[in-house]
């Protein structure tokens, strides 16, 4: 029974570490965004 608790605790701890590493790798560069940069629309000239 004691070994079972240790195995469960180790599995939970390993899962938390894995999720923390995956989140860190995903958001490695905080400057990356999905924002689309567009050029300003040219205003029509009035004649």
PDB file of N, CA and C in Angstrom:
ATOM      1  N   UNK A   1       0.828  -1.200   0.000  1.00  0.00           N
ATOM      2  CA  UNK A   1       0.000   0.000   0.000  1.00  0.00           C
ATOM      3  C   UNK A   1       0.870   1.261   0.000  1.00  0.00           C
ATOM      4  N   UNK A   2       1.986   1.183   0.733  1.00  0.00           N
ATOM      5  CA  UNK A   2       2.882   2.330   0.798  1.00  0.00           C
ATOM      6  C   UNK A   2       3.510   2.606  -0.574  1.00  0.00           C
ATOM      7  N   UNK A   3       3.892   1.535  -1.252  1.00  0.00           N
ATOM      8  CA  UNK A   3       4.507   1.689  -2.572  1.00  0.00           C
ATOM      9  C   UNK A   3       3.517   2.284  -3.564  1.00  0.00           C
ATOM     10  N   UNK A   4       2.257   1.874  -3.464  1.00  0.00           N
ATOM     11  CA  UNK A   4       1.230   2.391  -4.361  1.00  0.00           C
ATOM     12  C   UNK A   4       1.082   3.901  -4.189  1.00  0.00           C
ATOM     13  N   UNK A   5       1.117   4.389  -2.955  1.00  0.00           N
ATOM     14  CA  UNK A   5       0.999   5.824  -2.707  1.00  0.00           C
ATOM     15  C   UNK A   5       2.194   6.579  -3.282  1.00  0.00           C
ATOM     16  N   UNK A   6       3.391   5.987  -3.142  1.00  0.00           N
ATOM     17  CA  UNK A   6       4.581   6.632  -3.698  1.00  0.00           C
ATOM     18  C   UNK A   6       4.523   6.696  -5.223  1.00  0.00           C
ATOM     19  N   UNK A   7       4.038   5.649  -5.838  1.00  0.00           N
ATOM     20  CA  UNK A   7       3.930   5.620  -7.301  1.00  0.00           C
ATOM     21  C   UNK A   7       2.927   6.667  -7.775  1.00  0.00           C
ATOM     22  N   UNK A   8       1.806   6.777  -7.078  1.00  0.00           N
ATOM     23  CA  UNK A   8       0.794   7.775  -7.450  1.00  0.00           C
ATOM     24  C   UNK A   8       1.344   9.183  -7.263  1.00  0.00           C
ATOM     25  N   UNK A   9       2.041   9.419  -6.136  1.00  0.00           N
ATOM     26  CA  UNK A   9       2.619  10.740  -5.884  1.00  0.00           C
ATOM     27  C   UNK A   9       3.671  11.084  -6.930  1.00  0.00           C
ATOM     28  N   UNK A  10       4.478  10.111  -7.311  1.00  0.00           N
ATOM     29  CA  UNK A  10       5.505  10.337  -8.332  1.00  0.00           C
ATOM     30  C   UNK A  10       4.874  10.623  -9.692  1.00  0.00           C
ATOM     31  N   UNK A  11       3.796   9.940 -10.026  1.00  0.00           N
ATOM     32  CA  UNK A  11       3.109  10.170 -11.297  1.00  0.00           C
ATOM     33  C   UNK A  11       2.501  11.573 -11.340  1.00  0.00           C
ATOM     34  N   UNK A  12       1.910  12.001 -10.239  1.00  0.00           N
ATOM     35  CA  UNK A  12       1.324  13.348 -10.195  1.00  0.00           C
ATOM     36  C   UNK A  12       2.423  14.401 -10.301  1.00  0.00           C
ATOM     37  N   UNK A  13       3.512  14.197  -9.567  1.00  0.00           N
ATOM     38  CA  UNK A  13       4.620  15.159  -9.604  1.00  0.00           C
ATOM     39  C   UNK A  13       5.226  15.236 -11.007  1.00  0.00           C
ATOM     40  N   UNK A  14       5.404  14.091 -11.656  1.00  0.00           N
ATOM     41  CA  UNK A  14       5.938  14.069 -13.019  1.00  0.00           C
ATOM     42  C   UNK A  14       5.001  14.750 -14.009  1.00  0.00           C
ATOM     43  N   UNK A  15       3.699  14.572 -13.820  1.00  0.00           N
ATOM     44  CA  UNK A  15       2.729  15.234 -14.692  1.00  0.00           C
ATOM     45  C   UNK A  15       2.764  16.740 -14.542  1.00  0.00           C
ATOM     46  N   UNK A  16       2.919  17.206 -13.310  1.00  0.00           N
ATOM     47  CA  UNK A  16       2.999  18.655 -13.078  1.00  0.00           C
ATOM     48  C   UNK A  16       4.256  19.225 -13.717  1.00  0.00           C
ATOM     49  N   UNK A  17       5.378  18.521 -13.561  1.00  0.00           N
ATOM     50  CA  UNK A  17       6.619  18.996 -14.185  1.00  0.00           C
ATOM     51  C   UNK A  17       6.511  19.015 -15.703  1.00  0.00           C
ATOM     52  N   UNK A  18       5.880  17.991 -16.267  1.00  0.00           N
ATOM     53  CA  UNK A  18       5.718  17.935 -17.722  1.00  0.00           C
ATOM     54  C   UNK A  18       4.861  19.095 -18.220  1.00  0.00           C
ATOM     55  N   UNK A  19       3.758  19.366 -17.524  1.00  0.00           N
ATOM     56  CA  UNK A  19       2.887  20.467 -17.943  1.00  0.00           C
ATOM     57  C   UNK A  19       3.596  21.810 -17.819  1.00  0.00           C
ATOM     58  N   UNK A  20       4.386  21.986 -16.771  1.00  0.00           N
ATOM     59  CA  UNK A  20       5.115  23.249 -16.599  1.00  0.00           C
ATOM     60  C   UNK A  20       6.136  23.428 -17.718  1.00  0.00           C
ATOM     61  N   UNK A  21       6.822  22.353 -18.081  1.00  0.00           N
ATOM     62  CA  UNK A  21       7.806  22.445 -19.159  1.00  0.00           C
ATOM     63  C   UNK A  21       7.125  22.718 -20.500  1.00  0.00           C
ATOM     64  N   UNK A  22       5.996  22.056 -20.757  1.00  0.00           N
ATOM     65  CA  UNK A  22       5.282  22.259 -22.017  1.00  0.00           C
ATOM     66  C   UNK A  22       4.766  23.687 -22.119  1.00  0.00           C
ATOM     67  N   UNK A  23       4.266  24.235 -21.017  1.00  0.00           N
ATOM     68  CA  UNK A  23       3.777  25.613 -21.042  1.00  0.00           C
ATOM     69  C   UNK A  23       4.930  26.580 -21.261  1.00  0.00           C
ATOM     70  N   UNK A  24       6.077  26.290 -20.683  1.00  0.00           N
ATOM     71  CA  UNK A  24       7.234  27.159 -20.854  1.00  0.00           C
ATOM     72  C   UNK A  24       7.732  27.110 -22.288  1.00  0.00           C
ATOM     73  N   UNK A  25       7.749  25.960 -22.904  1.00  0.00           N
ATOM     74  CA  UNK A  25       8.186  25.842 -24.285  1.00  0.00           C
ATOM     75  C   UNK A  25       7.210  26.528 -25.243  1.00  0.00           C
ATOM     76  N   UNK A  26       5.922  26.455 -24.927  1.00  0.00           N
ATOM     77  CA  UNK A  26       4.912  27.052 -25.798  1.00  0.00           C
ATOM     78  C   UNK A  26       5.011  28.567 -25.789  1.00  0.00           C
ATOM     79  N   UNK A  27       5.216  29.156 -24.616  1.00  0.00           N
ATOM     80  CA  UNK A  27       5.275  30.606 -24.489  1.00  0.00           C
ATOM     81  C   UNK A  27       6.710  31.037 -24.250  1.00  0.00           C
ATOM     82  N   UNK A  28       7.625  30.530 -25.063  1.00  0.00           N
ATOM     83  CA  UNK A  28       9.035  30.830 -24.889  1.00  0.00           C
ATOM     84  C   UNK A  28       9.323  32.288 -25.209  1.00  0.00           C
ATOM     85  N   UNK A  29       8.704  32.792 -26.254  1.00  0.00           N
ATOM     86  CA  UNK A  29       8.906  34.180 -26.645  1.00  0.00           C
ATOM     87  C   UNK A  29       7.585  34.906 -26.445  1.00  0.00           C
ATOM     88  N   UNK A  30       7.524  35.754 -25.437  1.00  0.00           N
ATOM     89  CA  UNK A  30       6.289  36.452 -25.119  1.00  0.00           C
ATOM     90  C   UNK A  30       5.898  37.490 -26.139  1.00  0.00           C
ATOM     91  N   UNK A  31       6.820  37.818 -27.045  1.00  0.00           N
ATOM     92  CA  UNK A  31       6.524  38.853 -28.043  1.00  0.00           C
ATOM     93  C   UNK A  31       5.740  38.299 -29.230  1.00  0.00           C
ATOM     94  N   UNK A  32       5.679  36.999 -29.372  1.00  0.00           N
ATOM     95  CA  UNK A  32       4.956  36.427 -30.500  1.00  0.00           C
ATOM     96  C   UNK A  32       3.455  36.543 -30.255  1.00  0.00           C
ATOM     97  N   UNK A  33       2.764  37.123 -31.201  1.00  0.00           N
ATOM     98  CA  UNK A  33       1.319  37.245 -31.103  1.00  0.00           C
ATOM     99  C   UNK A  33       0.703  36.814 -32.419  1.00  0.00           C
ATOM    100  N   UNK A  34      -0.577  36.592 -32.413  1.00  0.00           N
ATOM    101  CA  UNK A  34      -1.276  36.220 -33.632  1.00  0.00           C
ATOM    102  C   UNK A  34      -1.890  37.443 -34.300  1.00  0.00           C
ATOM    103  N   UNK A  35      -1.428  38.616 -33.916  1.00  0.00           N
ATOM    104  CA  UNK A  35      -1.964  39.862 -34.463  1.00  0.00           C
ATOM    105  C   UNK A  35      -1.477  40.054 -35.897  1.00  0.00           C
ATOM    106  N   UNK A  36      -2.369  40.438 -36.778  1.00  0.00           N
ATOM    107  CA  UNK A  36      -2.027  40.697 -38.173  1.00  0.00           C
ATOM    108  C   UNK A  36      -1.752  42.190 -38.322  1.00  0.00           C
ATOM    109  N   UNK A  37      -0.558  42.488 -38.786  1.00  0.00           N
ATOM    110  CA  UNK A  37      -0.214  43.903 -38.992  1.00  0.00           C
ATOM    111  C   UNK A  37      -0.518  44.265 -40.437  1.00  0.00           C
ATOM    112  N   UNK A  38      -1.308  45.299 -40.610  1.00  0.00           N
ATOM    113  CA  UNK A  38      -1.693  45.731 -41.948  1.00  0.00           C
ATOM    114  C   UNK A  38      -1.166  47.141 -42.200  1.00  0.00           C
ATOM    115  N   UNK A  39      -0.943  47.421 -43.475  1.00  0.00           N
ATOM    116  CA  UNK A  39      -0.544  48.777 -43.853  1.00  0.00           C
ATOM    117  C   UNK A  39      -1.773  49.667 -43.775  1.00  0.00           C
ATOM    118  N   UNK A  40      -1.590  50.932 -43.437  1.00  0.00           N
ATOM    119  CA  UNK A  40      -2.755  51.814 -43.408  1.00  0.00           C
ATOM    120  C   UNK A  40      -3.361  51.963 -44.804  1.00  0.00           C
ATOM    121  N   UNK A  41      -4.662  52.011 -44.842  1.00  0.00           N
ATOM    122  CA  UNK A  41      -5.370  52.133 -46.109  1.00  0.00           C
ATOM    123  C   UNK A  41      -5.103  53.517 -46.701  1.00  0.00           C
ATOM    124  N   UNK A  42      -4.681  53.588 -47.970  1.00  0.00           N
ATOM    125  CA  UNK A  42      -4.402  54.913 -48.554  1.00  0.00           C
ATOM    126  C   UNK A  42      -5.688  55.720 -48.732  1.00  0.00           C
ATOM    127  N   UNK A  43      -5.607  56.964 -48.310  1.00  0.00           N
ATOM    128  CA  UNK A  43      -6.770  57.842 -48.460  1.00  0.00           C
ATOM    129  C   UNK A  43      -6.883  58.301 -49.897  1.00  0.00           C
ATOM    130  N   UNK A  44      -8.099  58.332 -50.448  1.00  0.00           N
ATOM    131  CA  UNK A  44      -8.256  58.806 -51.829  1.00  0.00           C
ATOM    132  C   UNK A  44      -7.958  60.303 -51.931  1.00  0.00           C
ATOM    133  N   UNK A  45      -7.313  60.640 -53.025  1.00  0.00           N
ATOM    134  CA  UNK A  45      -6.979  62.063 -53.230  1.00  0.00           C
ATOM    135  C   UNK A  45      -8.207  62.791 -53.747  1.00  0.00           C
ATOM    136  N   UNK A  46      -8.384  63.997 -53.250  1.00  0.00           N
ATOM    137  CA  UNK A  46      -9.483  64.833 -53.765  1.00  0.00           C
ATOM    138  C   UNK A  46      -8.894  65.780 -54.817  1.00  0.00           C
ATOM    139  N   UNK A  47      -9.535  65.866 -55.974  1.00  0.00           N
ATOM    140  CA  UNK A  47      -9.042  66.710 -57.062  1.00  0.00           C
ATOM    141  C   UNK A  47      -9.773  68.025 -57.099  1.00  0.00           C
TER     142      UNK A  47
END
